[in-house]
Amino acid sequence: MRGWGMSNADPMQRVNALLEDVLPSPRVRQQLRLAAGLTQQEVADAVGVKRLAVARWELGQTHPRRPHRAAYIHLLKGLAERFPEVAELNAGSTTPASKRGSG
């Protein structure tokens, strides 16, 4: 695991990081943002990317890369706690950590 950011971490921490590195479906990402009354630009500014990146993430064209991925997942988890009815739309449709993209 040389070169991996958590190589010195406990194996359980590495496993937990992988489990937490899951995105909801693109549709749910958009619905969570809309439920919170946020614009794509506001999300982009908070995460540190361009608005077009957020638009592509919500369309499922690309997926956020580190370090933006962690910030985006954190935002989405917070919104899912705030709007559980929207998060339920996810119903097993997630984007696993192995699906990395640009943006």
N, C-alpha and C. Protein backbone atom coordinates (compact mmCIF):
# COMPACT_ATOMS: atom_id res chain seq x y z
N MET A 1 0.83 -1.20 0.00
CA MET A 1 0.00 0.00 0.00
C MET A 1 0.86 1.25 0.00
N ARG A 2 2.02 1.12 -0.47
CA ARG A 2 2.95 2.23 -0.52
C ARG A 2 2.38 3.36 -1.37
N GLY A 3 2.49 4.59 -0.87
CA GLY A 3 2.00 5.74 -1.61
C GLY A 3 0.54 6.06 -1.34
N TRP A 4 -0.14 5.17 -0.65
CA TRP A 4 -1.54 5.43 -0.33
C TRP A 4 -1.60 6.30 0.90
N GLY A 5 -2.45 7.31 0.90
CA GLY A 5 -2.50 8.30 1.97
C GLY A 5 -2.67 7.75 3.37
N MET A 6 -3.28 6.61 3.52
CA MET A 6 -3.54 6.07 4.84
C MET A 6 -2.68 4.86 5.14
N SER A 7 -1.53 4.72 4.50
CA SER A 7 -0.72 3.53 4.65
C SER A 7 -0.29 3.29 6.10
N ASN A 8 -0.16 4.32 6.90
CA ASN A 8 0.24 4.17 8.29
C ASN A 8 -0.96 3.97 9.22
N ALA A 9 -2.16 4.05 8.68
CA ALA A 9 -3.37 3.95 9.49
C ALA A 9 -3.66 2.49 9.82
N ASP A 10 -4.41 2.33 10.88
CA ASP A 10 -4.91 1.04 11.29
C ASP A 10 -5.74 0.44 10.14
N PRO A 11 -5.66 -0.89 9.91
CA PRO A 11 -6.43 -1.50 8.83
C PRO A 11 -7.93 -1.20 8.91
N MET A 12 -8.47 -1.13 10.11
CA MET A 12 -9.90 -0.84 10.26
C MET A 12 -10.21 0.58 9.80
N GLN A 13 -9.29 1.52 10.03
CA GLN A 13 -9.50 2.89 9.55
C GLN A 13 -9.50 2.91 8.03
N ARG A 14 -8.62 2.13 7.42
CA ARG A 14 -8.58 2.08 5.95
C ARG A 14 -9.87 1.49 5.40
N VAL A 15 -10.35 0.43 6.04
CA VAL A 15 -11.59 -0.19 5.60
C VAL A 15 -12.76 0.78 5.79
N ASN A 16 -12.82 1.44 6.93
CA ASN A 16 -13.89 2.41 7.17
C ASN A 16 -13.87 3.52 6.15
N ALA A 17 -12.68 3.97 5.75
CA ALA A 17 -12.57 5.03 4.75
C ALA A 17 -13.16 4.56 3.42
N LEU A 18 -12.94 3.30 3.07
CA LEU A 18 -13.52 2.78 1.83
C LEU A 18 -15.04 2.69 1.92
N LEU A 19 -15.53 2.28 3.08
CA LEU A 19 -16.98 2.16 3.25
C LEU A 19 -17.67 3.52 3.19
N GLU A 20 -16.99 4.54 3.68
CA GLU A 20 -17.57 5.88 3.68
C GLU A 20 -17.45 6.57 2.33
N ASP A 21 -16.63 6.03 1.44
CA ASP A 21 -16.35 6.66 0.16
C ASP A 21 -17.36 6.20 -0.89
N VAL A 22 -18.65 6.35 -0.57
CA VAL A 22 -19.72 5.94 -1.47
C VAL A 22 -20.64 7.13 -1.72
N LEU A 23 -20.93 7.34 -2.99
CA LEU A 23 -21.82 8.44 -3.37
C LEU A 23 -23.22 7.91 -3.64
N PRO A 24 -24.23 8.70 -3.33
CA PRO A 24 -25.58 8.32 -3.76
C PRO A 24 -25.68 8.44 -5.28
N SER A 25 -26.75 7.97 -5.83
CA SER A 25 -26.94 8.06 -7.28
C SER A 25 -26.95 9.53 -7.71
N PRO A 26 -26.62 9.80 -8.96
CA PRO A 26 -26.64 11.20 -9.44
C PRO A 26 -27.98 11.90 -9.20
N ARG A 27 -29.07 11.18 -9.38
CA ARG A 27 -30.41 11.77 -9.17
C ARG A 27 -30.58 12.22 -7.72
N VAL A 28 -30.14 11.39 -6.79
CA VAL A 28 -30.28 11.72 -5.37
C VAL A 28 -29.35 12.88 -5.01
N ARG A 29 -28.17 12.91 -5.59
CA ARG A 29 -27.27 14.05 -5.35
C ARG A 29 -27.97 15.35 -5.69
N GLN A 30 -28.61 15.39 -6.85
CA GLN A 30 -29.31 16.59 -7.28
C GLN A 30 -30.50 16.90 -6.37
N GLN A 31 -31.26 15.87 -6.01
CA GLN A 31 -32.44 16.07 -5.19
C GLN A 31 -32.07 16.56 -3.78
N LEU A 32 -30.97 16.08 -3.24
CA LEU A 32 -30.53 16.56 -1.93
C LEU A 32 -30.15 18.03 -2.01
N ARG A 33 -29.44 18.40 -3.05
CA ARG A 33 -29.06 19.81 -3.23
C ARG A 33 -30.29 20.69 -3.36
N LEU A 34 -31.25 20.26 -4.17
CA LEU A 34 -32.46 21.05 -4.38
C LEU A 34 -33.29 21.15 -3.10
N ALA A 35 -33.36 20.05 -2.34
CA ALA A 35 -34.13 20.06 -1.08
C ALA A 35 -33.55 21.08 -0.11
N ALA A 36 -32.23 21.26 -0.16
CA ALA A 36 -31.57 22.23 0.71
C ALA A 36 -31.64 23.65 0.16
N GLY A 37 -32.16 23.80 -1.05
CA GLY A 37 -32.25 25.13 -1.65
C GLY A 37 -30.90 25.67 -2.09
N LEU A 38 -29.98 24.77 -2.41
CA LEU A 38 -28.64 25.17 -2.83
C LEU A 38 -28.52 25.16 -4.35
N THR A 39 -27.73 26.07 -4.87
CA THR A 39 -27.45 26.06 -6.30
C THR A 39 -26.21 25.21 -6.56
N GLN A 40 -26.02 24.83 -7.81
CA GLN A 40 -24.81 24.11 -8.16
C GLN A 40 -23.58 24.96 -7.86
N GLN A 41 -23.70 26.26 -8.07
CA GLN A 41 -22.57 27.15 -7.80
C GLN A 41 -22.22 27.17 -6.32
N GLU A 42 -23.23 27.18 -5.46
CA GLU A 42 -22.97 27.18 -4.02
C GLU A 42 -22.26 25.89 -3.59
N VAL A 43 -22.69 24.77 -4.14
CA VAL A 43 -22.04 23.50 -3.84
C VAL A 43 -20.60 23.51 -4.36
N ALA A 44 -20.44 23.99 -5.58
CA ALA A 44 -19.10 24.05 -6.19
C ALA A 44 -18.16 24.91 -5.35
N ASP A 45 -18.64 26.07 -4.91
CA ASP A 45 -17.82 26.96 -4.09
C ASP A 45 -17.43 26.28 -2.78
N ALA A 46 -18.38 25.58 -2.16
CA ALA A 46 -18.11 24.92 -0.88
C ALA A 46 -17.11 23.78 -1.03
N VAL A 47 -17.22 23.03 -2.12
CA VAL A 47 -16.37 21.86 -2.33
C VAL A 47 -15.02 22.26 -2.94
N GLY A 48 -15.00 23.38 -3.66
CA GLY A 48 -13.75 23.84 -4.25
C GLY A 48 -13.55 23.44 -5.69
N VAL A 49 -14.66 23.35 -6.43
CA VAL A 49 -14.60 23.00 -7.85
C VAL A 49 -15.41 24.01 -8.64
N LYS A 50 -15.42 23.85 -9.96
CA LYS A 50 -16.25 24.69 -10.83
C LYS A 50 -17.67 24.15 -10.86
N ARG A 51 -18.62 25.03 -11.16
CA ARG A 51 -20.02 24.64 -11.22
C ARG A 51 -20.23 23.50 -12.21
N LEU A 52 -19.52 23.52 -13.32
CA LEU A 52 -19.67 22.49 -14.33
C LEU A 52 -19.34 21.10 -13.78
N ALA A 53 -18.39 21.02 -12.86
CA ALA A 53 -18.07 19.73 -12.23
C ALA A 53 -19.27 19.20 -11.47
N VAL A 54 -19.92 20.06 -10.70
CA VAL A 54 -21.11 19.64 -9.94
C VAL A 54 -22.21 19.20 -10.89
N ALA A 55 -22.40 19.94 -11.96
CA ALA A 55 -23.42 19.57 -12.96
C ALA A 55 -23.13 18.19 -13.52
N ARG A 56 -21.88 17.92 -13.83
CA ARG A 56 -21.50 16.60 -14.38
C ARG A 56 -21.66 15.49 -13.34
N TRP A 57 -21.36 15.80 -12.08
CA TRP A 57 -21.56 14.80 -11.03
C TRP A 57 -23.03 14.45 -10.92
N GLU A 58 -23.89 15.47 -11.01
CA GLU A 58 -25.33 15.24 -10.87
C GLU A 58 -25.93 14.55 -12.09
N LEU A 59 -25.26 14.63 -13.21
CA LEU A 59 -25.71 13.93 -14.42
C LEU A 59 -25.12 12.53 -14.52
N GLY A 60 -24.16 12.24 -13.63
CA GLY A 60 -23.51 10.94 -13.67
C GLY A 60 -22.47 10.83 -14.77
N GLN A 61 -22.09 11.94 -15.35
CA GLN A 61 -21.08 11.94 -16.42
C GLN A 61 -19.68 11.74 -15.87
N THR A 62 -19.42 12.28 -14.69
CA THR A 62 -18.13 12.13 -14.02
C THR A 62 -18.39 11.95 -12.53
N HIS A 63 -17.34 11.61 -11.82
CA HIS A 63 -17.42 11.45 -10.38
C HIS A 63 -16.31 12.26 -9.74
N PRO A 64 -16.56 12.83 -8.58
CA PRO A 64 -15.52 13.65 -7.94
C PRO A 64 -14.30 12.83 -7.55
N ARG A 65 -13.15 13.46 -7.69
CA ARG A 65 -11.88 12.85 -7.29
C ARG A 65 -11.45 13.45 -5.97
N ARG A 66 -10.51 12.77 -5.30
CA ARG A 66 -9.96 13.31 -4.07
C ARG A 66 -9.19 14.57 -4.38
N PRO A 67 -9.16 15.55 -3.54
CA PRO A 67 -9.78 15.65 -2.21
C PRO A 67 -11.22 16.14 -2.25
N HIS A 68 -11.70 16.51 -3.42
CA HIS A 68 -13.06 17.06 -3.53
C HIS A 68 -14.12 16.00 -3.23
N ARG A 69 -13.81 14.75 -3.52
CA ARG A 69 -14.75 13.67 -3.27
C ARG A 69 -15.13 13.60 -1.79
N ALA A 70 -14.14 13.68 -0.91
CA ALA A 70 -14.41 13.59 0.53
C ALA A 70 -15.30 14.74 1.00
N ALA A 71 -15.03 15.95 0.50
CA ALA A 71 -15.84 17.11 0.89
C ALA A 71 -17.27 16.97 0.36
N TYR A 72 -17.40 16.49 -0.87
CA TYR A 72 -18.73 16.33 -1.49
C TYR A 72 -19.53 15.26 -0.75
N ILE A 73 -18.89 14.15 -0.42
CA ILE A 73 -19.56 13.09 0.33
C ILE A 73 -20.00 13.60 1.70
N HIS A 74 -19.14 14.36 2.34
CA HIS A 74 -19.48 14.94 3.65
C HIS A 74 -20.72 15.84 3.53
N LEU A 75 -20.75 16.66 2.51
CA LEU A 75 -21.91 17.53 2.28
C LEU A 75 -23.17 16.70 2.04
N LEU A 76 -23.07 15.72 1.17
CA LEU A 76 -24.24 14.89 0.86
C LEU A 76 -24.75 14.13 2.07
N LYS A 77 -23.83 13.64 2.90
CA LYS A 77 -24.26 12.93 4.12
C LYS A 77 -24.99 13.88 5.07
N GLY A 78 -24.49 15.09 5.19
CA GLY A 78 -25.17 16.08 6.03
C GLY A 78 -26.55 16.41 5.50
N LEU A 79 -26.65 16.55 4.18
CA LEU A 79 -27.96 16.84 3.58
C LEU A 79 -28.90 15.64 3.72
N ALA A 80 -28.36 14.43 3.62
CA ALA A 80 -29.19 13.24 3.77
C ALA A 80 -29.76 13.13 5.18
N GLU A 81 -28.98 13.56 6.17
CA GLU A 81 -29.49 13.56 7.54
C GLU A 81 -30.59 14.60 7.70
N ARG A 82 -30.43 15.70 7.03
CA ARG A 82 -31.41 16.79 7.11
C ARG A 82 -32.68 16.47 6.32
N PHE A 83 -32.52 15.73 5.22
CA PHE A 83 -33.64 15.41 4.34
C PHE A 83 -33.70 13.90 4.09
N PRO A 84 -34.05 13.12 5.14
CA PRO A 84 -34.03 11.66 5.00
C PRO A 84 -34.99 11.14 3.94
N GLU A 85 -36.08 11.84 3.69
CA GLU A 85 -37.03 11.38 2.68
C GLU A 85 -36.41 11.41 1.29
N VAL A 86 -35.52 12.35 1.05
CA VAL A 86 -34.83 12.42 -0.24
C VAL A 86 -33.76 11.34 -0.29
N ALA A 87 -33.05 11.14 0.80
CA ALA A 87 -32.00 10.13 0.84
C ALA A 87 -32.57 8.73 0.59
N GLU A 88 -33.82 8.50 0.97
CA GLU A 88 -34.45 7.20 0.75
C GLU A 88 -34.63 6.89 -0.72
N LEU A 89 -34.64 7.91 -1.57
CA LEU A 89 -34.73 7.69 -3.01
C LEU A 89 -33.56 6.86 -3.51
N ASN A 90 -32.48 6.88 -2.74
CA ASN A 90 -31.26 6.19 -3.13
C ASN A 90 -31.47 4.68 -3.23
N ALA A 91 -32.19 4.12 -2.32
CA ALA A 91 -32.57 2.70 -2.29
C ALA A 91 -31.61 1.76 -3.01
N GLY A 92 -30.39 1.71 -2.52
CA GLY A 92 -29.44 0.76 -3.07
C GLY A 92 -28.72 1.21 -4.32
N SER A 93 -28.97 2.39 -4.80
CA SER A 93 -28.32 2.87 -6.01
C SER A 93 -27.21 3.83 -5.64
N THR A 94 -25.99 3.31 -5.49
CA THR A 94 -24.85 4.13 -5.09
C THR A 94 -23.72 4.02 -6.10
N THR A 95 -22.78 4.93 -5.97
CA THR A 95 -21.58 4.90 -6.80
C THR A 95 -20.41 4.52 -5.90
N PRO A 96 -19.89 3.30 -6.05
CA PRO A 96 -18.82 2.86 -5.16
C PRO A 96 -17.52 3.59 -5.38
N ALA A 97 -16.62 3.41 -4.44
CA ALA A 97 -15.33 4.10 -4.47
C ALA A 97 -14.53 3.76 -5.72
N SER A 98 -14.76 2.59 -6.29
CA SER A 98 -13.98 2.17 -7.44
C SER A 98 -14.34 2.96 -8.69
N LYS A 99 -15.47 3.61 -8.71
CA LYS A 99 -15.87 4.41 -9.85
C LYS A 99 -15.36 5.83 -9.69
N ARG A 100 -14.18 6.07 -10.11
CA ARG A 100 -13.57 7.38 -10.02
C ARG A 100 -13.68 8.05 -11.37
N GLY A 101 -13.75 9.36 -11.36
CA GLY A 101 -13.82 10.07 -12.63
C GLY A 101 -13.17 11.41 -12.51
N SER A 102 -13.50 12.26 -13.40
CA SER A 102 -12.90 13.60 -13.38
C SER A 102 -13.85 14.57 -12.74
N GLY A 103 -13.32 15.71 -12.40
CA GLY A 103 -14.18 16.75 -11.86
C GLY A 103 -13.80 17.22 -10.54
